[in-house]
Amino acid sequence: MSVAAILPALAAEDPLASYRGKTRLLVVLAASDTDAELKAQRRFYTSEKEGNRERDLVIVEALDGTDLGGTLRRRFEVPAGEFRAILVGKDGGVKLRSASPIPSDKLFAEIDAMPMRQDEARKTR
């Protein structure tokens, strides 16, 4: 089997693999697009576009009833129907989990305390 044939299969197993080493992720799991907690998390995220960009932060929304939702719920061990906001570092590790929306100031404080982020900030000065 060629490497090209293996890569799509790996991406299907880990839909977040392409982000590793490049961006931090805020994975948001919600029951539906109308979930009040999802809407609140979106407001936090969209109100801080510059801060998100500075921290290489990307949001990944995954809803129940979708392939992505099912895959990420299994990966992060979150039962269907429950809201979760999960901060994933550039290394692919979980840095913060919350059963409620994470305000931008709390999210940024968590990211800014990471050694990799501190190195990045020093390099941009």
N, C-alpha and C. Protein backbone atom coordinates (compact mmCIF):
# COMPACT_ATOMS: atom_id res chain seq x y z
N MET A 1 0.85 -1.18 0.00
CA MET A 1 0.00 0.00 0.00
C MET A 1 0.90 1.24 0.00
N SER A 2 0.56 2.21 -0.81
CA SER A 2 1.37 3.43 -0.90
C SER A 2 1.07 4.36 0.28
N VAL A 3 2.01 5.26 0.53
CA VAL A 3 1.81 6.26 1.58
C VAL A 3 0.59 7.11 1.28
N ALA A 4 0.37 7.45 0.02
CA ALA A 4 -0.79 8.26 -0.36
C ALA A 4 -2.10 7.57 0.01
N ALA A 5 -2.13 6.25 -0.06
CA ALA A 5 -3.34 5.51 0.29
C ALA A 5 -3.52 5.45 1.80
N ILE A 6 -2.43 5.47 2.55
CA ILE A 6 -2.51 5.38 4.01
C ILE A 6 -2.94 6.72 4.63
N LEU A 7 -2.48 7.84 4.10
CA LEU A 7 -2.76 9.15 4.70
C LEU A 7 -4.25 9.46 4.85
N PRO A 8 -5.10 9.23 3.83
CA PRO A 8 -6.53 9.50 4.04
C PRO A 8 -7.12 8.63 5.15
N ALA A 9 -6.66 7.39 5.27
CA ALA A 9 -7.17 6.52 6.32
C ALA A 9 -6.77 7.07 7.70
N LEU A 10 -5.55 7.56 7.83
CA LEU A 10 -5.12 8.13 9.11
C LEU A 10 -5.91 9.38 9.44
N ALA A 11 -6.19 10.21 8.44
CA ALA A 11 -6.97 11.42 8.66
C ALA A 11 -8.39 11.08 9.12
N ALA A 12 -8.95 9.99 8.58
CA ALA A 12 -10.29 9.57 9.00
C ALA A 12 -10.28 9.11 10.45
N GLU A 13 -9.19 8.46 10.88
CA GLU A 13 -9.08 8.02 12.27
C GLU A 13 -8.86 9.21 13.20
N ASP A 14 -8.09 10.19 12.78
CA ASP A 14 -7.80 11.37 13.58
C ASP A 14 -8.01 12.61 12.74
N PRO A 15 -9.23 13.15 12.73
CA PRO A 15 -9.51 14.31 11.89
C PRO A 15 -8.76 15.57 12.32
N LEU A 16 -8.10 15.54 13.47
CA LEU A 16 -7.34 16.70 13.94
C LEU A 16 -5.86 16.61 13.61
N ALA A 17 -5.44 15.51 13.01
CA ALA A 17 -4.01 15.28 12.75
C ALA A 17 -3.39 16.37 11.89
N SER A 18 -4.12 16.90 10.94
CA SER A 18 -3.54 17.91 10.04
C SER A 18 -3.22 19.23 10.75
N TYR A 19 -3.79 19.45 11.93
CA TYR A 19 -3.54 20.67 12.69
C TYR A 19 -2.30 20.56 13.58
N ARG A 20 -1.90 19.32 13.90
CA ARG A 20 -0.82 19.11 14.86
C ARG A 20 0.46 19.80 14.42
N GLY A 21 1.05 20.51 15.36
CA GLY A 21 2.28 21.24 15.11
C GLY A 21 2.07 22.59 14.46
N LYS A 22 0.84 22.90 14.06
CA LYS A 22 0.55 24.15 13.35
C LYS A 22 -0.33 25.09 14.15
N THR A 23 -1.41 24.54 14.72
CA THR A 23 -2.38 25.39 15.42
C THR A 23 -2.83 24.74 16.72
N ARG A 24 -3.34 25.59 17.59
CA ARG A 24 -4.05 25.12 18.77
C ARG A 24 -5.52 25.04 18.37
N LEU A 25 -6.25 24.15 18.98
CA LEU A 25 -7.65 23.97 18.63
C LEU A 25 -8.54 24.16 19.84
N LEU A 26 -9.67 24.76 19.60
CA LEU A 26 -10.75 24.73 20.57
C LEU A 26 -11.80 23.83 19.94
N VAL A 27 -11.88 22.60 20.43
CA VAL A 27 -12.85 21.63 19.94
C VAL A 27 -14.13 21.83 20.75
N VAL A 28 -15.22 22.11 20.05
CA VAL A 28 -16.49 22.35 20.70
C VAL A 28 -17.46 21.26 20.28
N LEU A 29 -17.90 20.47 21.24
CA LEU A 29 -18.86 19.39 20.99
C LEU A 29 -20.22 19.83 21.51
N ALA A 30 -21.23 19.74 20.66
CA ALA A 30 -22.57 20.15 21.05
C ALA A 30 -23.60 19.24 20.41
N ALA A 31 -24.77 19.21 21.01
CA ALA A 31 -25.83 18.35 20.49
C ALA A 31 -26.32 18.81 19.13
N SER A 32 -26.46 20.14 18.98
CA SER A 32 -26.97 20.67 17.71
C SER A 32 -26.47 22.09 17.52
N ASP A 33 -26.72 22.60 16.33
CA ASP A 33 -26.32 23.96 15.97
C ASP A 33 -27.08 25.01 16.77
N THR A 34 -28.19 24.63 17.38
CA THR A 34 -29.01 25.57 18.15
C THR A 34 -28.68 25.53 19.65
N ASP A 35 -27.71 24.73 20.04
CA ASP A 35 -27.32 24.60 21.44
C ASP A 35 -26.90 25.96 22.01
N ALA A 36 -27.49 26.37 23.12
CA ALA A 36 -27.20 27.68 23.72
C ALA A 36 -25.74 27.81 24.12
N GLU A 37 -25.14 26.74 24.62
CA GLU A 37 -23.73 26.80 25.02
C GLU A 37 -22.82 26.96 23.80
N LEU A 38 -23.18 26.30 22.70
CA LEU A 38 -22.42 26.45 21.46
C LEU A 38 -22.48 27.90 20.99
N LYS A 39 -23.66 28.48 21.02
CA LYS A 39 -23.82 29.88 20.60
C LYS A 39 -22.98 30.81 21.49
N ALA A 40 -22.97 30.55 22.79
CA ALA A 40 -22.17 31.38 23.70
C ALA A 40 -20.68 31.24 23.39
N GLN A 41 -20.23 30.00 23.14
CA GLN A 41 -18.82 29.79 22.81
C GLN A 41 -18.45 30.50 21.52
N ARG A 42 -19.34 30.48 20.54
CA ARG A 42 -19.10 31.19 19.28
C ARG A 42 -18.93 32.69 19.52
N ARG A 43 -19.78 33.26 20.40
CA ARG A 43 -19.67 34.69 20.69
C ARG A 43 -18.31 35.01 21.29
N PHE A 44 -17.84 34.18 22.23
CA PHE A 44 -16.52 34.39 22.82
C PHE A 44 -15.45 34.34 21.73
N TYR A 45 -15.56 33.35 20.88
CA TYR A 45 -14.54 33.13 19.86
C TYR A 45 -14.53 34.25 18.82
N THR A 46 -15.70 34.61 18.32
CA THR A 46 -15.75 35.60 17.24
C THR A 46 -15.44 37.01 17.73
N SER A 47 -15.59 37.26 19.02
CA SER A 47 -15.30 38.60 19.53
C SER A 47 -13.81 38.85 19.70
N GLU A 48 -12.99 37.84 19.54
CA GLU A 48 -11.55 37.96 19.79
C GLU A 48 -10.72 37.45 18.61
N LYS A 49 -11.08 37.84 17.42
CA LYS A 49 -10.40 37.32 16.22
C LYS A 49 -8.90 37.58 16.24
N GLU A 50 -8.48 38.78 16.62
CA GLU A 50 -7.04 39.09 16.64
C GLU A 50 -6.31 38.24 17.68
N GLY A 51 -6.89 38.11 18.86
CA GLY A 51 -6.29 37.29 19.90
C GLY A 51 -6.18 35.83 19.49
N ASN A 52 -7.20 35.34 18.79
CA ASN A 52 -7.16 33.96 18.29
C ASN A 52 -6.03 33.79 17.28
N ARG A 53 -5.92 34.77 16.38
CA ARG A 53 -4.89 34.69 15.34
C ARG A 53 -3.50 34.74 15.97
N GLU A 54 -3.29 35.62 16.93
CA GLU A 54 -1.99 35.73 17.60
C GLU A 54 -1.58 34.41 18.26
N ARG A 55 -2.56 33.67 18.72
CA ARG A 55 -2.29 32.42 19.45
C ARG A 55 -2.44 31.19 18.57
N ASP A 56 -2.59 31.38 17.27
CA ASP A 56 -2.76 30.26 16.33
C ASP A 56 -3.91 29.35 16.79
N LEU A 57 -5.02 29.95 17.17
CA LEU A 57 -6.17 29.21 17.70
C LEU A 57 -7.25 29.09 16.63
N VAL A 58 -7.70 27.86 16.41
CA VAL A 58 -8.74 27.55 15.44
C VAL A 58 -9.85 26.83 16.18
N ILE A 59 -11.09 27.13 15.83
CA ILE A 59 -12.22 26.43 16.44
C ILE A 59 -12.67 25.30 15.53
N VAL A 60 -12.97 24.16 16.14
CA VAL A 60 -13.51 23.01 15.42
C VAL A 60 -14.82 22.65 16.12
N GLU A 61 -15.92 22.83 15.42
CA GLU A 61 -17.22 22.48 15.97
C GLU A 61 -17.62 21.10 15.48
N ALA A 62 -18.12 20.29 16.39
CA ALA A 62 -18.57 18.95 16.03
C ALA A 62 -19.93 18.70 16.67
N LEU A 63 -20.91 18.40 15.85
CA LEU A 63 -22.28 18.23 16.32
C LEU A 63 -22.67 16.76 16.34
N ASP A 64 -23.58 16.44 17.25
CA ASP A 64 -24.13 15.09 17.29
C ASP A 64 -24.76 14.76 15.94
N GLY A 65 -24.68 13.50 15.56
CA GLY A 65 -25.28 13.05 14.31
C GLY A 65 -24.39 13.22 13.10
N THR A 66 -23.16 13.73 13.30
CA THR A 66 -22.22 13.87 12.20
C THR A 66 -21.06 12.90 12.43
N ASP A 67 -20.37 12.55 11.35
CA ASP A 67 -19.21 11.68 11.49
C ASP A 67 -18.16 12.32 12.38
N LEU A 68 -17.91 13.61 12.17
CA LEU A 68 -16.91 14.30 12.98
C LEU A 68 -17.32 14.32 14.45
N GLY A 69 -18.59 14.60 14.70
CA GLY A 69 -19.08 14.61 16.07
C GLY A 69 -18.88 13.27 16.76
N GLY A 70 -19.24 12.19 16.08
CA GLY A 70 -19.07 10.86 16.65
C GLY A 70 -17.62 10.51 16.90
N THR A 71 -16.76 10.83 15.93
CA THR A 71 -15.33 10.53 16.06
C THR A 71 -14.71 11.30 17.23
N LEU A 72 -15.02 12.60 17.31
CA LEU A 72 -14.42 13.40 18.37
C LEU A 72 -15.01 13.09 19.74
N ARG A 73 -16.27 12.73 19.80
CA ARG A 73 -16.85 12.32 21.09
C ARG A 73 -16.18 11.05 21.60
N ARG A 74 -15.90 10.12 20.70
CA ARG A 74 -15.19 8.90 21.12
C ARG A 74 -13.77 9.25 21.56
N ARG A 75 -13.07 10.06 20.78
CA ARG A 75 -11.69 10.40 21.10
C ARG A 75 -11.57 11.08 22.47
N PHE A 76 -12.49 12.02 22.75
CA PHE A 76 -12.40 12.77 23.99
C PHE A 76 -13.30 12.20 25.10
N GLU A 77 -13.96 11.07 24.79
CA GLU A 77 -14.79 10.37 25.77
C GLU A 77 -15.87 11.27 26.35
N VAL A 78 -16.65 11.86 25.45
CA VAL A 78 -17.74 12.74 25.84
C VAL A 78 -19.05 12.12 25.36
N PRO A 79 -19.99 11.85 26.27
CA PRO A 79 -21.26 11.25 25.87
C PRO A 79 -22.06 12.16 24.92
N ALA A 80 -22.82 11.55 24.05
CA ALA A 80 -23.69 12.29 23.14
C ALA A 80 -24.62 13.19 23.93
N GLY A 81 -24.89 14.35 23.38
CA GLY A 81 -25.82 15.28 24.00
C GLY A 81 -25.19 16.24 24.99
N GLU A 82 -23.97 15.96 25.42
CA GLU A 82 -23.30 16.83 26.39
C GLU A 82 -22.41 17.84 25.68
N PHE A 83 -22.42 19.08 26.18
CA PHE A 83 -21.55 20.12 25.66
C PHE A 83 -20.16 19.98 26.26
N ARG A 84 -19.14 20.18 25.43
CA ARG A 84 -17.76 20.26 25.92
C ARG A 84 -16.99 21.24 25.06
N ALA A 85 -16.14 22.01 25.71
CA ALA A 85 -15.16 22.85 25.03
C ALA A 85 -13.81 22.31 25.48
N ILE A 86 -12.97 21.93 24.51
CA ILE A 86 -11.71 21.27 24.80
C ILE A 86 -10.59 22.00 24.07
N LEU A 87 -9.64 22.50 24.83
CA LEU A 87 -8.47 23.15 24.25
C LEU A 87 -7.42 22.10 23.98
N VAL A 88 -6.99 22.02 22.73
CA VAL A 88 -5.97 21.06 22.30
C VAL A 88 -4.74 21.84 21.86
N GLY A 89 -3.60 21.52 22.44
CA GLY A 89 -2.36 22.21 22.10
C GLY A 89 -1.81 21.78 20.76
N LYS A 90 -0.79 22.49 20.32
CA LYS A 90 -0.15 22.16 19.05
C LYS A 90 0.44 20.76 19.06
N ASP A 91 0.72 20.24 20.25
CA ASP A 91 1.26 18.89 20.37
C ASP A 91 0.17 17.82 20.30
N GLY A 92 -1.09 18.24 20.23
CA GLY A 92 -2.21 17.29 20.15
C GLY A 92 -2.76 16.90 21.50
N GLY A 93 -2.17 17.39 22.58
CA GLY A 93 -2.63 17.04 23.92
C GLY A 93 -3.73 17.98 24.41
N VAL A 94 -4.60 17.43 25.26
CA VAL A 94 -5.67 18.22 25.86
C VAL A 94 -5.08 19.09 26.96
N LYS A 95 -5.35 20.39 26.87
CA LYS A 95 -4.82 21.36 27.84
C LYS A 95 -5.89 21.86 28.80
N LEU A 96 -7.16 21.82 28.36
CA LEU A 96 -8.27 22.32 29.17
C LEU A 96 -9.55 21.70 28.66
N ARG A 97 -10.40 21.27 29.61
CA ARG A 97 -11.72 20.71 29.27
C ARG A 97 -12.75 21.44 30.11
N SER A 98 -13.88 21.75 29.49
CA SER A 98 -14.93 22.44 30.23
C SER A 98 -16.31 21.97 29.77
N ALA A 99 -17.21 21.81 30.72
CA ALA A 99 -18.59 21.44 30.40
C ALA A 99 -19.44 22.67 30.11
N SER A 100 -18.81 23.85 30.15
CA SER A 100 -19.50 25.09 29.81
C SER A 100 -18.59 25.92 28.91
N PRO A 101 -19.14 26.91 28.22
CA PRO A 101 -18.32 27.74 27.34
C PRO A 101 -17.15 28.36 28.10
N ILE A 102 -16.02 28.47 27.43
CA ILE A 102 -14.81 29.03 28.03
C ILE A 102 -14.67 30.48 27.57
N PRO A 103 -14.73 31.44 28.49
CA PRO A 103 -14.54 32.84 28.10
C PRO A 103 -13.15 33.06 27.52
N SER A 104 -13.05 34.01 26.62
CA SER A 104 -11.78 34.28 25.93
C SER A 104 -10.65 34.58 26.89
N ASP A 105 -10.91 35.36 27.95
CA ASP A 105 -9.82 35.70 28.87
C ASP A 105 -9.26 34.47 29.56
N LYS A 106 -10.12 33.54 29.93
CA LYS A 106 -9.65 32.30 30.56
C LYS A 106 -8.89 31.43 29.55
N LEU A 107 -9.42 31.34 28.35
CA LEU A 107 -8.79 30.57 27.29
C LEU A 107 -7.42 31.13 26.95
N PHE A 108 -7.33 32.44 26.79
CA PHE A 108 -6.06 33.08 26.46
C PHE A 108 -5.05 32.94 27.60
N ALA A 109 -5.51 33.04 28.83
CA ALA A 109 -4.60 32.88 29.98
C ALA A 109 -4.01 31.47 29.99
N GLU A 110 -4.83 30.49 29.69
CA GLU A 110 -4.36 29.10 29.64
C GLU A 110 -3.32 28.93 28.53
N ILE A 111 -3.62 29.47 27.36
CA ILE A 111 -2.69 29.37 26.22
C ILE A 111 -1.40 30.12 26.53
N ASP A 112 -1.53 31.33 27.04
CA ASP A 112 -0.35 32.17 27.28
C ASP A 112 0.58 31.59 28.34
N ALA A 113 0.07 30.70 29.18
CA ALA A 113 0.90 30.05 30.20
C ALA A 113 1.67 28.85 29.65
N MET A 114 1.34 28.42 28.43
CA MET A 114 2.01 27.26 27.83
C MET A 114 3.44 27.61 27.44
N PRO A 115 4.39 26.74 27.72
CA PRO A 115 5.79 27.02 27.35
C PRO A 115 5.97 27.30 25.85
N MET A 116 5.29 26.58 24.99
CA MET A 116 5.44 26.80 23.55
C MET A 116 4.96 28.20 23.18
N ARG A 117 3.84 28.63 23.77
CA ARG A 117 3.31 29.96 23.49
C ARG A 117 4.27 31.03 24.00
N GLN A 118 4.87 30.81 25.15
CA GLN A 118 5.82 31.78 25.69
C GLN A 118 7.04 31.90 24.76
N ASP A 119 7.48 30.78 24.21
CA ASP A 119 8.58 30.82 23.24
C ASP A 119 8.18 31.60 21.99
N GLU A 120 6.96 31.37 21.51
CA GLU A 120 6.46 32.08 20.34
C GLU A 120 6.41 33.59 20.60
N ALA A 121 5.93 33.98 21.77
CA ALA A 121 5.81 35.40 22.11
C ALA A 121 7.20 36.05 22.16
N ARG A 122 8.18 35.34 22.70
CA ARG A 122 9.54 35.89 22.76
C ARG A 122 10.12 36.09 21.36
N LYS A 123 9.83 35.18 20.46
CA LYS A 123 10.36 35.26 19.09
C LYS A 123 9.76 36.39 18.29
N THR A 124 8.55 36.81 18.63
CA THR A 124 7.88 37.88 17.88
C THR A 124 8.18 39.27 18.43
N ARG A 125 8.88 39.35 19.53
CA ARG A 125 9.20 40.66 20.13
C ARG A 125 10.30 41.34 19.38
